[in-house]
Protein backbone atom coordinates (compact mmCIF):
# COMPACT_ATOMS: atom_id res chain seq x y z
CA UNK A 1 -34.95 -1.01 -46.74
CA UNK A 2 -35.77 1.00 -43.57
CA UNK A 3 -38.07 -1.88 -42.44
CA UNK A 4 -35.40 -4.46 -42.27
CA UNK A 5 -33.18 -2.10 -39.99
CA UNK A 6 -36.19 -1.62 -37.58
CA UNK A 7 -36.78 -5.46 -37.47
CA UNK A 8 -33.12 -6.29 -36.86
CA UNK A 9 -32.57 -8.38 -33.85
CA UNK A 10 -28.95 -9.00 -33.74
CA UNK A 11 -27.21 -5.74 -32.47
CA UNK A 12 -24.64 -6.06 -29.80
CA UNK A 13 -23.06 -2.82 -29.03
CA UNK A 14 -19.38 -1.59 -28.28
CA UNK A 15 -19.22 1.94 -29.80
CA UNK A 16 -16.42 4.24 -30.30
CA UNK A 17 -16.56 7.61 -31.90
CA UNK A 18 -16.23 11.36 -31.88
CA UNK A 19 -18.23 13.95 -29.83
CA UNK A 20 -19.13 17.45 -31.19
CA UNK A 21 -20.25 20.42 -29.12
CA UNK A 22 -21.42 23.81 -29.88
CA UNK A 23 -23.01 26.46 -27.56
CA UNK A 24 -26.85 25.83 -27.59
CA UNK A 25 -28.68 28.20 -30.06
CA UNK A 26 -25.66 29.06 -31.62
CA UNK A 27 -25.39 29.30 -35.50
CA UNK A 28 -21.67 28.01 -35.21
CA UNK A 29 -20.76 24.40 -36.50
CA UNK A 30 -20.28 21.79 -33.81
CA UNK A 31 -16.57 21.45 -33.15
CA UNK A 32 -14.97 18.13 -31.92
CA UNK A 33 -14.33 17.83 -28.29
CA UNK A 34 -11.51 15.41 -28.69
CA UNK A 35 -10.99 12.04 -27.08
CA UNK A 36 -13.98 11.05 -24.98
CA UNK A 37 -13.24 7.98 -22.99
CA UNK A 38 -16.83 7.54 -21.56
CA UNK A 39 -19.99 9.05 -22.84
CA UNK A 40 -23.31 7.99 -21.40
CA UNK A 41 -27.08 9.19 -20.67
CA UNK A 42 -28.58 8.32 -17.35
CA UNK A 43 -32.51 8.41 -16.66
CA UNK A 44 -34.02 8.87 -13.36
CA UNK A 45 -37.68 8.00 -12.81
CA UNK A 46 -40.13 9.01 -10.17
CA UNK A 47 -42.32 5.80 -9.80
CA UNK A 48 -45.80 5.92 -8.06
CA UNK A 49 -47.52 2.61 -7.13
CA UNK A 50 -50.86 1.68 -5.68
CA UNK A 51 -50.91 -1.41 -3.53
CA UNK A 52 -53.39 -4.08 -4.56
CA UNK A 53 -55.59 -4.35 -1.49
CA UNK A 54 -58.13 -6.88 -3.08
CA UNK A 55 -56.40 -9.98 -2.12
CA UNK A 56 -54.15 -11.70 0.39
CA UNK A 57 -50.37 -11.37 -0.34
CA UNK A 58 -50.53 -7.81 -1.63
CA UNK A 59 -49.09 -6.69 -5.18
CA UNK A 60 -49.44 -3.69 -7.34
CA UNK A 61 -52.74 -2.66 -8.53
CA UNK A 62 -51.47 0.26 -10.69
CA UNK A 63 -48.26 2.06 -11.52
CA UNK A 64 -47.34 5.35 -13.01
CA UNK A 65 -43.77 6.06 -14.08
CA UNK A 66 -42.38 9.45 -15.11
CA UNK A 67 -38.94 10.57 -16.10
CA UNK A 68 -37.65 13.26 -13.73
CA UNK A 69 -34.08 13.74 -14.97
CA UNK A 70 -31.82 12.63 -17.81
CA UNK A 71 -28.16 13.25 -17.02
CA UNK A 72 -25.33 13.16 -19.77
CA UNK A 73 -21.87 11.94 -18.23
CA UNK A 74 -18.49 12.40 -20.00
CA UNK A 75 -14.95 11.58 -19.13
CA UNK A 76 -13.04 13.95 -21.41
CA UNK A 77 -9.38 12.89 -22.20
CA UNK A 78 -8.17 16.13 -23.96
CA UNK A 79 -7.63 18.89 -21.54
CA UNK A 80 -7.57 21.59 -24.18
CA UNK A 81 -8.41 25.13 -23.55
CA UNK A 82 -12.25 24.91 -24.63
CA UNK A 83 -12.66 21.85 -22.51
CA UNK A 84 -10.96 23.21 -19.38
CA UNK A 85 -12.78 26.49 -19.60
CA UNK A 86 -16.13 24.75 -19.70
CA UNK A 87 -15.26 22.21 -17.06
CA UNK A 88 -14.13 24.88 -14.66
CA UNK A 89 -16.66 27.48 -15.36
CA UNK A 90 -13.94 29.68 -16.64
CA UNK A 91 -13.21 32.56 -18.92
CA UNK A 92 -10.47 32.39 -21.66
CA UNK A 93 -7.85 35.28 -22.25
CA UNK A 94 -5.52 34.73 -25.25
CA UNK A 95 -2.17 36.42 -24.08
CA UNK A 96 -0.21 37.35 -27.23
CA UNK A 97 3.68 37.13 -27.08
CA UNK A 98 5.59 39.99 -25.72
CA UNK A 99 8.50 41.43 -23.67
CA UNK A 100 8.65 42.69 -20.04
CA UNK A 101 11.50 45.16 -19.02
CA UNK A 102 12.41 45.44 -15.40
CA UNK A 103 9.62 43.56 -13.50
CA UNK A 104 10.45 44.41 -9.79
CA UNK A 105 11.01 41.97 -6.97
CA UNK A 106 12.75 41.98 -3.52
CA UNK A 107 14.79 39.02 -2.52
CA UNK A 108 13.11 38.23 0.77
CA UNK A 109 15.18 35.00 0.97
CA UNK A 110 17.29 32.49 -0.89
CA UNK A 111 15.85 29.42 -2.28
CA UNK A 112 12.56 31.12 -3.12
CA UNK A 113 10.58 31.68 -6.29
CA UNK A 114 10.05 34.90 -7.88
CA UNK A 115 6.75 34.25 -9.81
CA UNK A 116 6.64 36.20 -13.05
CA UNK A 117 3.50 37.90 -14.44
CA UNK A 118 3.90 35.75 -17.72
CA UNK A 119 4.93 32.16 -18.15
CA UNK A 120 7.93 30.36 -19.90
CA UNK A 121 10.21 33.19 -20.06
CA UNK A 122 13.02 33.26 -22.46
CA UNK A 123 16.04 35.74 -22.87
CA UNK A 124 16.01 36.49 -19.10
CA UNK A 125 18.23 39.08 -17.67
CA UNK A 126 18.18 39.71 -13.85
CA UNK A 127 19.58 42.90 -12.59
CA UNK A 128 19.98 44.22 -8.96
CA UNK A 129 20.18 47.48 -7.68
CA UNK A 130 18.23 50.41 -5.93
CA UNK A 131 16.41 51.42 -9.14
CA UNK A 132 16.20 49.90 -12.51
CA UNK A 133 18.31 52.53 -14.08
CA UNK A 134 21.11 52.01 -11.76
CA UNK A 135 20.92 48.24 -11.55
CA UNK A 136 23.44 45.95 -13.02
CA UNK A 137 23.03 42.32 -14.14
CA UNK A 138 23.45 39.26 -12.00
CA UNK A 139 25.23 36.06 -13.62
CA UNK A 140 22.91 33.37 -14.04
CA UNK A 141 25.44 30.60 -13.10
CA UNK A 142 25.08 29.86 -9.15
CA UNK A 143 22.67 32.51 -8.57
CA UNK A 144 19.40 31.61 -10.26
CA UNK A 145 17.40 29.23 -12.30
CA UNK A 146 14.90 30.12 -15.07
CA UNK A 147 11.71 27.78 -14.85
CA UNK A 148 8.40 28.19 -16.59
CA UNK A 149 6.73 29.73 -13.75
CA UNK A 150 9.44 32.04 -12.75
CA UNK A 151 12.92 32.61 -11.51
CA UNK A 152 14.22 30.53 -8.58
CA UNK A 153 17.00 32.06 -6.39
CA UNK A 154 19.50 29.57 -5.47
CA UNK A 155 20.58 28.94 -1.98
CA UNK A 156 24.03 30.39 -1.26
CA UNK A 157 23.88 32.54 -4.32
CA UNK A 158 27.00 34.65 -4.39
CA UNK A 159 25.65 37.46 -6.30
CA UNK A 160 22.39 38.03 -4.39
CA UNK A 161 21.74 38.83 -0.73
CA UNK A 162 18.65 38.93 1.41
CA UNK A 163 16.78 42.45 0.65
CA UNK A 164 18.33 43.04 -2.46
CA UNK A 165 16.06 44.99 -5.17
CA UNK A 166 16.02 42.69 -8.38
CA UNK A 167 14.70 43.61 -11.80
CA UNK A 168 13.82 40.92 -14.26
CA UNK A 169 13.72 41.54 -18.08
CA UNK A 170 12.41 38.82 -20.25
CA UNK A 171 10.52 37.63 -23.56
CA UNK A 172 7.55 35.28 -23.45
CA UNK A 173 5.45 33.43 -26.12
CA UNK A 174 1.84 33.47 -26.51
CA UNK A 175 -0.45 31.47 -24.14
CA UNK A 176 -3.97 31.12 -22.68
CA UNK A 177 -5.09 32.15 -19.33
CA UNK A 178 -8.34 30.33 -17.79
CA UNK A 179 -9.91 32.31 -15.09
CA UNK A 180 -11.91 29.65 -13.22
CA UNK A 181 -15.45 30.17 -11.64
CA UNK A 182 -16.10 33.37 -13.55
CA UNK A 183 -19.01 32.35 -15.65
CA UNK A 184 -22.23 30.48 -15.77
CA UNK A 185 -22.85 26.84 -16.48
CA UNK A 186 -22.61 26.51 -20.25
CA UNK A 187 -25.37 24.97 -22.31
CA UNK A 188 -24.48 22.81 -25.31
CA UNK A 189 -25.68 21.14 -28.24
CA UNK A 190 -23.93 17.76 -28.63
CA UNK A 191 -23.65 15.14 -31.26
CA UNK A 192 -22.14 11.61 -30.97
CA UNK A 193 -20.93 10.25 -34.31
CA UNK A 194 -20.38 6.65 -33.11
CA UNK A 195 -19.37 3.44 -34.93
CA UNK A 196 -20.44 0.20 -33.42
CA UNK A 197 -17.41 -2.18 -33.54
CA UNK A 198 -19.40 -5.28 -32.45
CA UNK A 199 -21.76 -4.88 -35.58
CA UNK A 200 -19.46 -4.32 -38.43
CA UNK A 201 -18.71 -0.67 -37.68
CA UNK A 202 -22.20 0.37 -38.42
CA UNK A 203 -22.78 4.07 -37.51
CA UNK A 204 -24.82 5.27 -34.38
CA UNK A 205 -25.56 8.83 -34.38
CA UNK A 206 -27.02 10.73 -31.22
CA UNK A 207 -28.21 14.05 -31.05
CA UNK A 208 -28.53 15.61 -27.71
CA UNK A 209 -30.42 18.95 -28.37
CA UNK A 210 -29.74 20.84 -25.16
CA UNK A 211 -27.67 20.01 -22.07
CA UNK A 212 -26.03 21.74 -19.34
CA UNK A 213 -22.34 21.02 -18.36
CA UNK A 214 -21.42 21.03 -14.77
CA UNK A 215 -17.91 21.73 -13.28
CA UNK A 216 -15.45 18.90 -13.44
CA UNK A 217 -15.56 16.62 -10.29
CA UNK A 218 -11.90 16.71 -9.93
CA UNK A 219 -9.05 18.62 -11.86
CA UNK A 220 -5.95 16.43 -11.16
CA UNK A 221 -2.69 18.62 -11.22
CA UNK A 222 -0.25 15.85 -10.21
CA UNK A 223 -1.00 12.16 -10.92
CA UNK A 224 0.64 9.11 -12.19
CA UNK A 225 -1.73 8.25 -15.03
CA UNK A 226 -3.28 10.21 -17.71
CA UNK A 227 -5.53 13.13 -16.54
CA UNK A 228 -9.18 13.33 -17.49
CA UNK A 229 -12.23 15.58 -17.09
CA UNK A 230 -15.17 13.85 -15.38
CA UNK A 231 -18.14 16.12 -16.05
CA UNK A 232 -21.91 15.60 -16.03
CA UNK A 233 -25.05 17.84 -17.02
CA UNK A 234 -28.79 17.62 -17.32
CA UNK A 235 -30.41 17.04 -20.78
CA UNK A 236 -32.89 19.87 -20.98
CA UNK A 237 -35.97 20.38 -22.93
CA UNK A 238 -35.35 22.08 -26.39
CA UNK A 239 -38.41 24.07 -27.18
CA UNK A 240 -37.51 24.41 -30.81
CA UNK A 241 -38.27 20.89 -31.30
CA UNK A 242 -42.02 20.35 -32.28
CA UNK A 243 -44.12 17.85 -33.78
CA UNK A 244 -45.91 14.42 -33.14
CA UNK A 245 -43.22 11.85 -32.05
CA UNK A 246 -40.31 14.42 -32.17
CA UNK A 247 -38.24 14.42 -29.00
CA UNK A 248 -37.31 17.62 -27.30
CA UNK A 249 -34.44 15.93 -25.60
CA UNK A 250 -32.40 13.57 -27.87
CA UNK A 251 -32.45 11.40 -30.98
CA UNK A 252 -30.65 8.07 -31.63
CA UNK A 253 -30.28 7.06 -35.37
CA UNK A 254 -28.92 3.47 -36.33
CA UNK A 255 -28.11 2.12 -39.48
């Protein structure tokens, strides 16, 4: 019976579970965020106190507490495209696979990188010559390396000299490009489908009706351990939630 759940005293908590998100106000279904290492709500209060001046020693005669802010904090372990875009206020472009013919470069030196327009090139052909039509292929061995980010001209390359005009042709696969700081802070509806490991795996479901998600504090590019996105936002009022005893902010359901 529900009254038994409400009266239950023993309820230690150690929760795991899945976090789902969708744009606030969207008719789309919530989608899993991925592995979230930490998820929490942080409440901030404005406390107004009136001193008790009726006796020696002081004390508090009256007190009013009002919640000024509720923050949501997440440490996201899966750095997928959606999470990266939200955490960097980015716009995503889906780049389809294709081919590039004769992308132009000048060998301003040896031991340098020629950054290509597209990543992870395959079937690379490097030519040199005054024009693309008159250029002839350069052997790869001893002259250059193909890397995900472009072409590295080797020091002492026998087939390439400084100021040579180079022309690079290659194929590339589909990829995503995220242009950071190009959009506003997203507003999300979040749902935590939790399981309490300290209480026989009983479910704990938390609905956060409307929350902003700020930019990640750090985007680690080189690190020894696993990367994660530390993001926080503010739980905002959802005006669509109405009725006596109905929260406009969040709801927790326990079995």
